[in-house]
Amino acid sequence: MKIRDFSFDLPDELIAQYPPEVRGTSNLLVLDPKDKSIKHCNMQDFPDLIDENTLVVFNNSKVRKARLFGLSSETGGKVEFFLLEKLENNCWKCMVSKAKKQKKGKTFDFPGNLKGEILNQTGTNIRTVQFNRDIDDVYLDENAHIPLPPYIRRDDELMDSTRYQSVFSEVTGSVAAPTASLHFTEDLIEKINKRGAEIAYVTLHVGLGTFAPVRTENLLDHEMHKEEFFVSDETAEKVEKAVADGRKILAVGTTSIRTLESAWAGGKLKRGTQYTDLFIYPGYTFKVVNQIFTNFHTPESTLLVLVSAFAGKENIENAYREAIEKKYKFFSYGDAMFLTQQV
């Protein structure tokens, strides 16, 4: 299985640079993989597309303002530090710009009298940086920037602070948004409840690895990143009951899918904090999820491979081809897709 088999051509103008003016008004492509039918709807139609008693599972992770700019104490040059993981002793694992120049011992000045020193190099552009004090989310909210993905070719703006978060985001820890959740408003969630569906939340903190390109020619040689997730007792009980009752379980976003599929074992959903490096590709048997709400994904990505595993590669190719013809917007701020059942 070759990663190039999951490629497609996308015109640049279809890569969404901004969210829709009003949240919850995006286009929605509805694909039934069993009969291969495609319908074109709007997000406002979504509650009516869900069967009664469906369990809808969202990821409530909140995006951290993870992009911090520092000035070199030596040259005054501006360097970007992307905070990936908090370590001990005021240290963070960071992805840095102009990486070849960022060597051990270099120091930087940041807003708010924060200072940092590079301790070591752990990858081509990854550095361990020790700061002179703790960096908390209050500091980051005031001084850092929303980590928009690289295909959004603009600086972050004030509106991104709210539009690159879901309305139910609660637990800070992601360095990229679980973007399928961005389509939902309080009103849509209320309509889903009135429809007779049930709602549950999991927490998976999205890491940069979610969007990292597959660099191996053979898909199965790709090594998946690890991400932290949490399942509450309440959510586990809802999922277990839905499975036992034979009800539909609709996962909103690939992060919710990976959480549910990773935590399921022996007819139960494991509770508490866990880690997953689950790679879902064609041939995988889904244990929990039987409906998916998702965005349109980048070519040759593990996310595109995942939805192809669920709906069938040919069905996804046909749906993407039609979405491009209909001028759907793609990726994080783009339109959405509802896969109504598993192939």
C-alpha atoms as a PDB file:
ATOM      1  CA  MET A   1       0.000   0.000   0.000  1.00  0.00           C
ATOM      2  CA  LYS A   2       1.672   3.203  -1.212  1.00  0.00           C
ATOM      3  CA  ILE A   3       1.062   6.634   0.307  1.00  0.00           C
ATOM      4  CA  ARG A   4       0.941   8.160  -3.191  1.00  0.00           C
ATOM      5  CA  ASP A   5      -2.273   6.189  -3.717  1.00  0.00           C
ATOM      6  CA  PHE A   6      -3.892   8.671  -1.328  1.00  0.00           C
ATOM      7  CA  SER A   7      -2.967  11.783  -3.267  1.00  0.00           C
ATOM      8  CA  PHE A   8      -5.190  14.253  -5.111  1.00  0.00           C
ATOM      9  CA  ASP A   9      -4.846  17.617  -6.813  1.00  0.00           C
ATOM     10  CA  LEU A  10      -6.484  20.582  -5.111  1.00  0.00           C
ATOM     11  CA  PRO A  11      -6.617  24.115  -6.513  1.00  0.00           C
ATOM     12  CA  ASP A  12      -5.074  26.622  -4.089  1.00  0.00           C
ATOM     13  CA  GLU A  13      -8.238  28.740  -4.103  1.00  0.00           C
ATOM     14  CA  LEU A  14     -10.150  25.889  -2.432  1.00  0.00           C
ATOM     15  CA  ILE A  15      -7.914  25.916   0.652  1.00  0.00           C
ATOM     16  CA  ALA A  16      -9.941  27.894   3.186  1.00  0.00           C
ATOM     17  CA  GLN A  17      -7.941  30.832   4.557  1.00  0.00           C
ATOM     18  CA  TYR A  18     -10.748  32.044   6.828  1.00  0.00           C
ATOM     19  CA  PRO A  19     -13.697  30.388   8.568  1.00  0.00           C
ATOM     20  CA  PRO A  20     -17.198  31.053   7.208  1.00  0.00           C
ATOM     21  CA  GLU A  21     -18.527  34.434   8.257  1.00  0.00           C
ATOM     22  CA  VAL A  22     -21.087  32.725  10.502  1.00  0.00           C
ATOM     23  CA  ARG A  23     -20.140  29.570  12.394  1.00  0.00           C
ATOM     24  CA  GLY A  24     -22.337  26.609  11.527  1.00  0.00           C
ATOM     25  CA  THR A  25     -23.123  27.573   7.930  1.00  0.00           C
ATOM     26  CA  SER A  26     -20.532  25.503   6.031  1.00  0.00           C
ATOM     27  CA  ASN A  27     -21.375  23.163   3.177  1.00  0.00           C
ATOM     28  CA  LEU A  28     -21.889  19.539   4.195  1.00  0.00           C
ATOM     29  CA  LEU A  29     -21.291  16.625   1.829  1.00  0.00           C
ATOM     30  CA  VAL A  30     -23.210  13.510   2.906  1.00  0.00           C
ATOM     31  CA  LEU A  31     -21.773  10.208   1.717  1.00  0.00           C
ATOM     32  CA  ASP A  32     -23.428   6.825   2.165  1.00  0.00           C
ATOM     33  CA  PRO A  33     -20.598   4.362   1.499  1.00  0.00           C
ATOM     34  CA  LYS A  34     -22.991   1.402   1.170  1.00  0.00           C
ATOM     35  CA  ASP A  35     -24.946   2.709  -1.822  1.00  0.00           C
ATOM     36  CA  LYS A  36     -22.233   5.196  -2.872  1.00  0.00           C
ATOM     37  CA  SER A  37     -24.744   8.070  -2.891  1.00  0.00           C
ATOM     38  CA  ILE A  38     -23.662  11.679  -2.381  1.00  0.00           C
ATOM     39  CA  LYS A  39     -25.896  14.530  -1.211  1.00  0.00           C
ATOM     40  CA  HIS A  40     -25.029  18.188  -0.837  1.00  0.00           C
ATOM     41  CA  CYS A  41     -26.388  19.843   2.295  1.00  0.00           C
ATOM     42  CA  ASN A  42     -25.577  22.593   4.778  1.00  0.00           C
ATOM     43  CA  MET A  43     -24.493  22.336   8.407  1.00  0.00           C
ATOM     44  CA  GLN A  44     -27.929  23.572   9.425  1.00  0.00           C
ATOM     45  CA  ASP A  45     -29.334  20.315   7.987  1.00  0.00           C
ATOM     46  CA  PHE A  46     -27.097  18.143  10.114  1.00  0.00           C
ATOM     47  CA  PRO A  47     -29.364  17.512  13.144  1.00  0.00           C
ATOM     48  CA  ASP A  48     -32.086  16.201  10.823  1.00  0.00           C
ATOM     49  CA  LEU A  49     -29.640  13.716   9.280  1.00  0.00           C
ATOM     50  CA  ILE A  50     -29.024  11.980  12.605  1.00  0.00           C
ATOM     51  CA  ASP A  51     -31.165   9.063  13.731  1.00  0.00           C
ATOM     52  CA  GLU A  52     -32.827   9.196  17.140  1.00  0.00           C
ATOM     53  CA  ASN A  53     -30.815   7.553  19.912  1.00  0.00           C
ATOM     54  CA  THR A  54     -27.508   8.148  18.108  1.00  0.00           C
ATOM     55  CA  LEU A  55     -24.605   8.786  20.479  1.00  0.00           C
ATOM     56  CA  VAL A  56     -22.603  11.775  19.187  1.00  0.00           C
ATOM     57  CA  VAL A  57     -19.060  11.993  20.569  1.00  0.00           C
ATOM     58  CA  PHE A  58     -17.094  15.276  20.502  1.00  0.00           C
ATOM     59  CA  ASN A  59     -13.505  16.114  21.462  1.00  0.00           C
ATOM     60  CA  ASN A  60     -13.498  18.986  23.973  1.00  0.00           C
ATOM     61  CA  SER A  61      -9.755  19.704  23.844  1.00  0.00           C
ATOM     62  CA  LYS A  62      -8.848  23.391  23.741  1.00  0.00           C
ATOM     63  CA  VAL A  63      -6.077  24.823  21.579  1.00  0.00           C
ATOM     64  CA  ARG A  64      -3.188  26.361  23.448  1.00  0.00           C
ATOM     65  CA  LYS A  65      -1.698  29.613  22.124  1.00  0.00           C
ATOM     66  CA  ALA A  66       1.520  27.813  21.331  1.00  0.00           C
ATOM     67  CA  ARG A  67       3.421  30.188  18.999  1.00  0.00           C
ATOM     68  CA  LEU A  68       5.777  32.444  20.925  1.00  0.00           C
ATOM     69  CA  PHE A  69       8.252  34.889  19.380  1.00  0.00           C
ATOM     70  CA  GLY A  70      11.586  35.665  21.005  1.00  0.00           C
ATOM     71  CA  LEU A  71      14.468  37.981  20.181  1.00  0.00           C
ATOM     72  CA  SER A  72      18.025  36.634  20.146  1.00  0.00           C
ATOM     73  CA  SER A  73      20.005  38.146  23.021  1.00  0.00           C
ATOM     74  CA  GLU A  74      23.034  38.128  20.714  1.00  0.00           C
ATOM     75  CA  THR A  75      21.698  39.511  17.417  1.00  0.00           C
ATOM     76  CA  GLY A  76      18.186  40.787  18.160  1.00  0.00           C
ATOM     77  CA  GLY A  77      16.863  38.513  15.418  1.00  0.00           C
ATOM     78  CA  LYS A  78      13.260  37.309  15.720  1.00  0.00           C
ATOM     79  CA  VAL A  79      12.766  33.558  16.202  1.00  0.00           C
ATOM     80  CA  GLU A  80       9.543  31.579  16.470  1.00  0.00           C
ATOM     81  CA  PHE A  81       9.190  28.976  19.216  1.00  0.00           C
ATOM     82  CA  PHE A  82       6.308  26.523  18.816  1.00  0.00           C
ATOM     83  CA  LEU A  83       5.640  25.071  22.290  1.00  0.00           C
ATOM     84  CA  LEU A  84       5.028  21.350  21.827  1.00  0.00           C
ATOM     85  CA  GLU A  85       5.324  19.774  25.266  1.00  0.00           C
ATOM     86  CA  LYS A  86       5.830  21.030  28.814  1.00  0.00           C
ATOM     87  CA  LEU A  87       8.715  19.308  30.623  1.00  0.00           C
ATOM     88  CA  GLU A  88      10.181  19.638  34.127  1.00  0.00           C
ATOM     89  CA  ASN A  89      12.108  22.615  35.539  1.00  0.00           C
ATOM     90  CA  ASN A  90      10.396  25.271  33.388  1.00  0.00           C
ATOM     91  CA  CYS A  91      11.522  23.480  30.219  1.00  0.00           C
ATOM     92  CA  TRP A  92       9.524  23.031  27.017  1.00  0.00           C
ATOM     93  CA  LYS A  93      10.101  20.949  23.923  1.00  0.00           C
ATOM     94  CA  CYS A  94       9.819  23.477  21.083  1.00  0.00           C
ATOM     95  CA  MET A  95       9.905  23.534  17.316  1.00  0.00           C
ATOM     96  CA  VAL A  96      12.033  26.513  16.280  1.00  0.00           C
ATOM     97  CA  SER A  97      12.403  28.585  13.126  1.00  0.00           C
ATOM     98  CA  LYS A  98      15.810  29.146  11.458  1.00  0.00           C
ATOM     99  CA  ALA A  99      16.717  25.877  13.155  1.00  0.00           C
ATOM    100  CA  LYS A 100      20.333  25.571  11.979  1.00  0.00           C
ATOM    101  CA  LYS A 101      21.232  28.750  13.859  1.00  0.00           C
ATOM    102  CA  GLN A 102      19.520  27.776  17.113  1.00  0.00           C
ATOM    103  CA  LYS A 103      22.305  26.028  19.000  1.00  0.00           C
ATOM    104  CA  LYS A 104      22.837  24.986  22.609  1.00  0.00           C
ATOM    105  CA  GLY A 105      23.483  27.946  24.905  1.00  0.00           C
ATOM    106  CA  LYS A 106      21.742  30.590  22.793  1.00  0.00           C
ATOM    107  CA  THR A 107      19.440  32.822  24.830  1.00  0.00           C
ATOM    108  CA  PHE A 108      16.316  34.759  23.917  1.00  0.00           C
ATOM    109  CA  ASP A 109      14.113  37.502  25.326  1.00  0.00           C
ATOM    110  CA  PHE A 110      10.342  37.102  25.209  1.00  0.00           C
ATOM    111  CA  PRO A 111       7.427  39.406  26.081  1.00  0.00           C
ATOM    112  CA  GLY A 112       6.711  39.945  29.767  1.00  0.00           C
ATOM    113  CA  ASN A 113      10.347  39.718  30.930  1.00  0.00           C
ATOM    114  CA  LEU A 114      10.482  36.029  30.027  1.00  0.00           C
ATOM    115  CA  LYS A 115      13.883  34.630  29.073  1.00  0.00           C
ATOM    116  CA  GLY A 116      14.825  31.298  27.564  1.00  0.00           C
ATOM    117  CA  GLU A 117      17.974  29.287  26.865  1.00  0.00           C
ATOM    118  CA  ILE A 118      18.399  26.378  24.445  1.00  0.00           C
ATOM    119  CA  LEU A 119      19.594  23.323  26.374  1.00  0.00           C
ATOM    120  CA  ASN A 120      19.810  20.707  23.636  1.00  0.00           C
ATOM    121  CA  GLN A 121      18.692  19.562  20.211  1.00  0.00           C
ATOM    122  CA  THR A 122      16.361  16.555  19.968  1.00  0.00           C
ATOM    123  CA  GLY A 123      15.504  16.696  16.269  1.00  0.00           C
ATOM    124  CA  THR A 124      16.177  18.635  13.099  1.00  0.00           C
ATOM    125  CA  ASN A 125      14.129  21.615  14.262  1.00  0.00           C
ATOM    126  CA  ILE A 126      13.243  20.524  17.808  1.00  0.00           C
ATOM    127  CA  ARG A 127      14.953  22.097  20.823  1.00  0.00           C
ATOM    128  CA  THR A 128      14.604  21.810  24.576  1.00  0.00           C
ATOM    129  CA  VAL A 129      14.318  25.340  25.954  1.00  0.00           C
ATOM    130  CA  GLN A 130      14.562  26.277  29.625  1.00  0.00           C
ATOM    131  CA  PHE A 131      12.733  29.440  30.654  1.00  0.00           C
ATOM    132  CA  ASN A 132      13.466  31.569  33.696  1.00  0.00           C
ATOM    133  CA  ARG A 133       9.990  30.951  35.121  1.00  0.00           C
ATOM    134  CA  ASP A 134       6.878  28.909  34.599  1.00  0.00           C
ATOM    135  CA  ILE A 135       4.829  29.535  31.468  1.00  0.00           C
ATOM    136  CA  ASP A 136       1.131  29.077  32.131  1.00  0.00           C
ATOM    137  CA  ASP A 137      -1.913  29.498  29.902  1.00  0.00           C
ATOM    138  CA  VAL A 138      -2.601  32.969  31.316  1.00  0.00           C
ATOM    139  CA  TYR A 139       0.809  34.121  30.078  1.00  0.00           C
ATOM    140  CA  LEU A 140       0.292  32.449  26.693  1.00  0.00           C
ATOM    141  CA  ASP A 141      -3.162  33.944  26.245  1.00  0.00           C
ATOM    142  CA  GLU A 142      -1.652  37.399  26.697  1.00  0.00           C
ATOM    143  CA  ASN A 143       1.615  37.007  24.772  1.00  0.00           C
ATOM    144  CA  ALA A 144       1.477  34.086  22.326  1.00  0.00           C
ATOM    145  CA  HIS A 145      -0.350  33.367  19.095  1.00  0.00           C
ATOM    146  CA  ILE A 146      -2.888  30.830  17.840  1.00  0.00           C
ATOM    147  CA  PRO A 147      -1.025  28.056  15.968  1.00  0.00           C
ATOM    148  CA  LEU A 148      -2.735  28.195  12.591  1.00  0.00           C
ATOM    149  CA  PRO A 149      -1.617  25.409  10.215  1.00  0.00           C
ATOM    150  CA  PRO A 150       0.901  26.275   7.482  1.00  0.00           C
ATOM    151  CA  TYR A 151      -1.631  26.027   4.647  1.00  0.00           C
ATOM    152  CA  ILE A 152      -3.413  29.062   6.132  1.00  0.00           C
ATOM    153  CA  ARG A 153      -1.057  31.606   4.629  1.00  0.00           C
ATOM    154  CA  ARG A 154      -1.626  34.586   6.891  1.00  0.00           C
ATOM    155  CA  ASP A 155      -0.857  35.734  10.411  1.00  0.00           C
ATOM    156  CA  ASP A 156      -3.352  34.883  13.114  1.00  0.00           C
ATOM    157  CA  GLU A 157      -5.976  37.541  13.805  1.00  0.00           C
ATOM    158  CA  LEU A 158      -8.090  38.385  16.836  1.00  0.00           C
ATOM    159  CA  MET A 159     -11.072  36.376  15.549  1.00  0.00           C
ATOM    160  CA  ASP A 160      -8.926  33.212  15.357  1.00  0.00           C
ATOM    161  CA  SER A 161      -8.823  33.159  19.164  1.00  0.00           C
ATOM    162  CA  THR A 162     -12.478  32.131  19.130  1.00  0.00           C
ATOM    163  CA  ARG A 163     -13.019  30.685  15.645  1.00  0.00           C
ATOM    164  CA  TYR A 164     -10.087  28.237  15.921  1.00  0.00           C
ATOM    165  CA  GLN A 165     -11.711  26.857  19.091  1.00  0.00           C
ATOM    166  CA  SER A 166     -14.884  24.822  19.354  1.00  0.00           C
ATOM    167  CA  VAL A 167     -17.750  26.337  21.360  1.00  0.00           C
ATOM    168  CA  PHE A 168     -17.396  23.488  23.859  1.00  0.00           C
ATOM    169  CA  SER A 169     -13.577  23.486  24.142  1.00  0.00           C
ATOM    170  CA  GLU A 170     -12.694  23.035  27.795  1.00  0.00           C
ATOM    171  CA  VAL A 171      -9.388  21.246  28.483  1.00  0.00           C
ATOM    172  CA  THR A 172      -6.303  23.113  27.232  1.00  0.00           C
ATOM    173  CA  GLY A 173      -3.588  21.021  25.608  1.00  0.00           C
ATOM    174  CA  SER A 174      -3.872  20.865  21.815  1.00  0.00           C
ATOM    175  CA  VAL A 175      -1.414  22.557  19.468  1.00  0.00           C
ATOM    176  CA  ALA A 176      -3.902  22.302  16.605  1.00  0.00           C
ATOM    177  CA  ALA A 177      -7.684  22.379  16.629  1.00  0.00           C
ATOM    178  CA  PRO A 178      -9.824  19.248  16.379  1.00  0.00           C
ATOM    179  CA  THR A 179     -11.284  20.998  13.357  1.00  0.00           C
ATOM    180  CA  ALA A 180     -14.446  18.960  12.771  1.00  0.00           C
ATOM    181  CA  SER A 181     -15.772  20.468  16.012  1.00  0.00           C
ATOM    182  CA  LEU A 182     -15.398  24.019  14.679  1.00  0.00           C
ATOM    183  CA  HIS A 183     -18.618  23.650  12.665  1.00  0.00           C
ATOM    184  CA  PHE A 184     -20.881  23.306  15.694  1.00  0.00           C
ATOM    185  CA  THR A 185     -22.782  26.071  17.499  1.00  0.00           C
ATOM    186  CA  GLU A 186     -24.733  25.967  20.749  1.00  0.00           C
ATOM    187  CA  ASP A 187     -27.903  26.073  18.655  1.00  0.00           C
ATOM    188  CA  LEU A 188     -26.879  23.049  16.554  1.00  0.00           C
ATOM    189  CA  ILE A 189     -26.009  21.086  19.685  1.00  0.00           C
ATOM    190  CA  GLU A 190     -29.404  21.966  21.173  1.00  0.00           C
ATOM    191  CA  LYS A 191     -31.101  20.740  17.981  1.00  0.00           C
ATOM    192  CA  ILE A 192     -29.111  17.487  18.139  1.00  0.00           C
ATOM    193  CA  ASN A 193     -30.404  16.986  21.681  1.00  0.00           C
ATOM    194  CA  LYS A 194     -33.975  17.757  20.617  1.00  0.00           C
ATOM    195  CA  ARG A 195     -33.594  15.230  17.827  1.00  0.00           C
ATOM    196  CA  GLY A 196     -33.319  12.589  20.541  1.00  0.00           C
ATOM    197  CA  ALA A 197     -29.604  11.988  20.159  1.00  0.00           C
ATOM    198  CA  GLU A 198     -27.234  11.739  23.106  1.00  0.00           C
ATOM    199  CA  ILE A 199     -23.971  13.666  23.434  1.00  0.00           C
ATOM    200  CA  ALA A 200     -20.696  12.644  25.062  1.00  0.00           C
ATOM    201  CA  TYR A 201     -17.235  14.199  25.252  1.00  0.00           C
ATOM    202  CA  VAL A 202     -13.736  12.793  25.167  1.00  0.00           C
ATOM    203  CA  THR A 203     -10.472  14.741  25.387  1.00  0.00           C
ATOM    204  CA  LEU A 204      -7.632  14.092  22.966  1.00  0.00           C
ATOM    205  CA  HIS A 205      -4.885  16.701  22.807  1.00  0.00           C
ATOM    206  CA  VAL A 206      -3.939  17.137  19.172  1.00  0.00           C
ATOM    207  CA  GLY A 207      -0.203  17.092  18.499  1.00  0.00           C
ATOM    208  CA  LEU A 208       1.666  18.257  15.421  1.00  0.00           C
ATOM    209  CA  GLY A 209       2.102  14.623  14.411  1.00  0.00           C
ATOM    210  CA  THR A 210      -1.566  14.528  13.401  1.00  0.00           C
ATOM    211  CA  PHE A 211      -0.699  16.759  10.456  1.00  0.00           C
ATOM    212  CA  ALA A 212       2.832  15.527   9.793  1.00  0.00           C
ATOM    213  CA  PRO A 213       3.322  14.195   6.260  1.00  0.00           C
ATOM    214  CA  VAL A 214       3.884  10.493   5.717  1.00  0.00           C
ATOM    215  CA  ARG A 215       7.521  10.329   4.609  1.00  0.00           C
ATOM    216  CA  THR A 216       7.678   6.619   3.818  1.00  0.00           C
ATOM    217  CA  GLU A 217       6.800   5.352   0.356  1.00  0.00           C
ATOM    218  CA  ASN A 218       5.195   2.259   1.845  1.00  0.00           C
ATOM    219  CA  LEU A 219       2.249   3.418   3.968  1.00  0.00           C
ATOM    220  CA  LEU A 220       2.666   0.656   6.540  1.00  0.00           C
ATOM    221  CA  ASP A 221       6.236   1.740   7.270  1.00  0.00           C
ATOM    222  CA  HIS A 222       4.939   5.017   8.703  1.00  0.00           C
ATOM    223  CA  GLU A 223       5.422   5.390  12.454  1.00  0.00           C
ATOM    224  CA  MET A 224       2.479   7.078  14.148  1.00  0.00           C
ATOM    225  CA  HIS A 225       2.935   9.795  16.754  1.00  0.00           C
ATOM    226  CA  LYS A 226       1.595   9.405  20.290  1.00  0.00           C
ATOM    227  CA  GLU A 227      -1.190  11.599  21.626  1.00  0.00           C
ATOM    228  CA  GLU A 228      -2.674  11.860  25.112  1.00  0.00           C
ATOM    229  CA  PHE A 229      -6.382  11.340  25.653  1.00  0.00           C
ATOM    230  CA  PHE A 230      -8.837  11.067  28.518  1.00  0.00           C
ATOM    231  CA  VAL A 231     -12.123   9.177  28.882  1.00  0.00           C
ATOM    232  CA  SER A 232     -14.449   9.981  31.793  1.00  0.00           C
ATOM    233  CA  ASP A 233     -16.613   7.434  33.599  1.00  0.00           C
ATOM    234  CA  GLU A 234     -19.715   9.178  32.259  1.00  0.00           C
ATOM    235  CA  THR A 235     -18.601   8.943  28.639  1.00  0.00           C
ATOM    236  CA  ALA A 236     -17.451   5.345  29.010  1.00  0.00           C
ATOM    237  CA  GLU A 237     -20.836   4.340  30.420  1.00  0.00           C
ATOM    238  CA  LYS A 238     -22.667   6.080  27.559  1.00  0.00           C
ATOM    239  CA  VAL A 239     -20.518   4.385  24.921  1.00  0.00           C
ATOM    240  CA  GLU A 240     -20.775   0.948  26.514  1.00  0.00           C
ATOM    241  CA  LYS A 241     -24.556   1.226  26.741  1.00  0.00           C
ATOM    242  CA  ALA A 242     -24.865   2.447  23.139  1.00  0.00           C
ATOM    243  CA  VAL A 243     -22.771  -0.476  21.905  1.00  0.00           C
ATOM    244  CA  ALA A 244     -24.786  -2.948  23.985  1.00  0.00           C
ATOM    245  CA  ASP A 245     -28.052  -1.498  22.663  1.00  0.00           C
ATOM    246  CA  GLY A 246     -26.855  -1.609  19.055  1.00  0.00           C
ATOM    247  CA  ARG A 247     -27.240   2.154  18.649  1.00  0.00           C
ATOM    248  CA  LYS A 248     -25.243   4.255  16.218  1.00  0.00           C
ATOM    249  CA  ILE A 249     -22.103   5.936  17.507  1.00  0.00           C
ATOM    250  CA  LEU A 250     -21.185   9.055  15.538  1.00  0.00           C
ATOM    251  CA  ALA A 251     -17.647  10.310  16.111  1.00  0.00           C
ATOM    252  CA  VAL A 252     -17.054  13.983  15.377  1.00  0.00           C
ATOM    253  CA  GLY A 253     -13.531  14.239  14.001  1.00  0.00           C
ATOM    254  CA  THR A 254     -10.658  11.818  13.563  1.00  0.00           C
ATOM    255  CA  THR A 255      -9.465  12.543  17.107  1.00  0.00           C
ATOM    256  CA  SER A 256     -12.720  11.234  18.573  1.00  0.00           C
ATOM    257  CA  ILE A 257     -12.448   8.170  16.341  1.00  0.00           C
ATOM    258  CA  ARG A 258      -8.913   7.362  17.470  1.00  0.00           C
ATOM    259  CA  THR A 259      -9.873   7.886  21.112  1.00  0.00           C
ATOM    260  CA  LEU A 260     -12.854   5.536  21.007  1.00  0.00           C
ATOM    261  CA  GLU A 261     -11.126   2.866  18.946  1.00  0.00           C
ATOM    262  CA  SER A 262      -7.974   2.990  21.106  1.00  0.00           C
ATOM    263  CA  ALA A 263      -9.772   2.785  24.449  1.00  0.00           C
ATOM    264  CA  TRP A 264     -12.139  -0.061  23.530  1.00  0.00           C
ATOM    265  CA  ALA A 265     -11.076  -3.458  24.887  1.00  0.00           C
ATOM    266  CA  GLY A 266     -13.013  -6.505  26.010  1.00  0.00           C
ATOM    267  CA  GLY A 267     -16.404  -4.903  25.522  1.00  0.00           C
ATOM    268  CA  LYS A 268     -15.496  -1.921  27.696  1.00  0.00           C
ATOM    269  CA  LEU A 269     -14.132   1.586  27.196  1.00  0.00           C
ATOM    270  CA  LYS A 270     -11.042   2.116  29.362  1.00  0.00           C
ATOM    271  CA  ARG A 271     -11.348   5.095  31.671  1.00  0.00           C
ATOM    272  CA  GLY A 272      -8.795   7.754  32.576  1.00  0.00           C
ATOM    273  CA  THR A 273      -5.703   9.245  30.938  1.00  0.00           C
ATOM    274  CA  GLN A 274      -4.154   7.138  28.187  1.00  0.00           C
ATOM    275  CA  TYR A 275      -1.971   7.433  25.088  1.00  0.00           C
ATOM    276  CA  THR A 276      -2.577   6.295  21.542  1.00  0.00           C
ATOM    277  CA  ASP A 277      -0.429   5.743  18.485  1.00  0.00           C
ATOM    278  CA  LEU A 278      -3.188   3.870  16.656  1.00  0.00           C
ATOM    279  CA  PHE A 279      -2.807   3.952  12.865  1.00  0.00           C
ATOM    280  CA  ILE A 280      -6.085   3.262  11.086  1.00  0.00           C
ATOM    281  CA  TYR A 281      -5.698   2.273   7.433  1.00  0.00           C
ATOM    282  CA  PRO A 282      -7.724   0.183   4.934  1.00  0.00           C
ATOM    283  CA  GLY A 283      -8.342  -3.279   6.314  1.00  0.00           C
ATOM    284  CA  TYR A 284      -8.909  -2.007   9.865  1.00  0.00           C
ATOM    285  CA  THR A 285     -12.071  -3.300  11.561  1.00  0.00           C
ATOM    286  CA  PHE A 286     -13.873  -0.537  13.460  1.00  0.00           C
ATOM    287  CA  LYS A 287     -14.971  -1.708  16.909  1.00  0.00           C
ATOM    288  CA  VAL A 288     -17.016   1.250  18.150  1.00  0.00           C
ATOM    289  CA  VAL A 289     -17.570   3.967  15.548  1.00  0.00           C
ATOM    290  CA  ASN A 290     -20.131   3.462  12.794  1.00  0.00           C
ATOM    291  CA  GLN A 291     -20.714   7.052  11.610  1.00  0.00           C
ATOM    292  CA  ILE A 292     -18.204   9.864  11.062  1.00  0.00           C
ATOM    293  CA  PHE A 293     -18.439  13.643  10.808  1.00  0.00           C
ATOM    294  CA  THR A 294     -15.175  15.111   9.531  1.00  0.00           C
ATOM    295  CA  ASN A 295     -13.436  17.808   7.514  1.00  0.00           C
ATOM    296  CA  PHE A 296     -11.767  17.372   4.133  1.00  0.00           C
ATOM    297  CA  HIS A 297      -8.172  16.279   4.708  1.00  0.00           C
ATOM    298  CA  THR A 298      -4.816  16.978   3.111  1.00  0.00           C
ATOM    299  CA  PRO A 299      -3.391  14.679   0.410  1.00  0.00           C
ATOM    300  CA  GLU A 300      -1.220  11.774   1.545  1.00  0.00           C
ATOM    301  CA  SER A 301      -2.156  12.273   5.207  1.00  0.00           C
ATOM    302  CA  THR A 302      -2.966   9.658   7.850  1.00  0.00           C
ATOM    303  CA  LEU A 303      -6.327  11.420   8.270  1.00  0.00           C
ATOM    304  CA  LEU A 304      -7.263  10.795   4.631  1.00  0.00           C
ATOM    305  CA  VAL A 305      -6.117   7.199   5.031  1.00  0.00           C
ATOM    306  CA  LEU A 306      -8.347   6.855   8.116  1.00  0.00           C
ATOM    307  CA  VAL A 307     -11.554   8.011   6.413  1.00  0.00           C
ATOM    308  CA  SER A 308     -10.682   5.807   3.431  1.00  0.00           C
ATOM    309  CA  ALA A 309     -10.500   2.858   5.808  1.00  0.00           C
ATOM    310  CA  PHE A 310     -13.991   3.684   7.060  1.00  0.00           C
ATOM    311  CA  ALA A 311     -15.798   4.537   3.823  1.00  0.00           C
ATOM    312  CA  GLY A 312     -13.684   2.826   1.183  1.00  0.00           C
ATOM    313  CA  LYS A 313     -10.902   4.444  -0.812  1.00  0.00           C
ATOM    314  CA  GLU A 314     -12.906   4.668  -4.036  1.00  0.00           C
ATOM    315  CA  ASN A 315     -15.881   6.255  -2.278  1.00  0.00           C
ATOM    316  CA  ILE A 316     -13.672   8.898  -0.672  1.00  0.00           C
ATOM    317  CA  GLU A 317     -11.968   9.614  -3.987  1.00  0.00           C
ATOM    318  CA  ASN A 318     -15.356  10.099  -5.673  1.00  0.00           C
ATOM    319  CA  ALA A 319     -16.591  12.333  -2.857  1.00  0.00           C
ATOM    320  CA  TYR A 320     -13.453  14.491  -2.910  1.00  0.00           C
ATOM    321  CA  ARG A 321     -13.632  14.764  -6.699  1.00  0.00           C
ATOM    322  CA  GLU A 322     -17.230  15.976  -6.491  1.00  0.00           C
ATOM    323  CA  ALA A 323     -16.426  18.356  -3.638  1.00  0.00           C
ATOM    324  CA  ILE A 324     -13.716  19.945  -5.773  1.00  0.00           C
ATOM    325  CA  GLU A 325     -16.105  20.240  -8.716  1.00  0.00           C
ATOM    326  CA  LYS A 326     -18.687  21.909  -6.442  1.00  0.00           C
ATOM    327  CA  LYS A 327     -16.038  24.326  -5.098  1.00  0.00           C
ATOM    328  CA  TYR A 328     -16.136  23.111  -1.506  1.00  0.00           C
ATOM    329  CA  LYS A 329     -13.546  24.647   0.793  1.00  0.00           C
ATOM    330  CA  PHE A 330     -10.921  22.285   2.228  1.00  0.00           C
ATOM    331  CA  PHE A 331      -8.911  21.707   5.422  1.00  0.00           C
ATOM    332  CA  SER A 332      -9.171  23.331   8.876  1.00  0.00           C
ATOM    333  CA  TYR A 333     -11.509  26.248   8.124  1.00  0.00           C
ATOM    334  CA  GLY A 334     -13.190  24.445   5.230  1.00  0.00           C
ATOM    335  CA  ASP A 335     -16.407  22.528   4.693  1.00  0.00           C
ATOM    336  CA  ALA A 336     -17.467  19.210   6.206  1.00  0.00           C
ATOM    337  CA  MET A 337     -18.398  15.645   5.344  1.00  0.00           C
ATOM    338  CA  PHE A 338     -20.798  13.201   7.002  1.00  0.00           C
ATOM    339  CA  LEU A 339     -20.118   9.497   6.422  1.00  0.00           C
ATOM    340  CA  THR A 340     -23.418   7.876   7.336  1.00  0.00           C
ATOM    341  CA  GLN A 341     -22.248   4.314   7.721  1.00  0.00           C
ATOM    342  CA  GLN A 342     -19.236   2.065   7.515  1.00  0.00           C
ATOM    343  CA  VAL A 343     -18.431   0.142   4.336  1.00  0.00           C
END
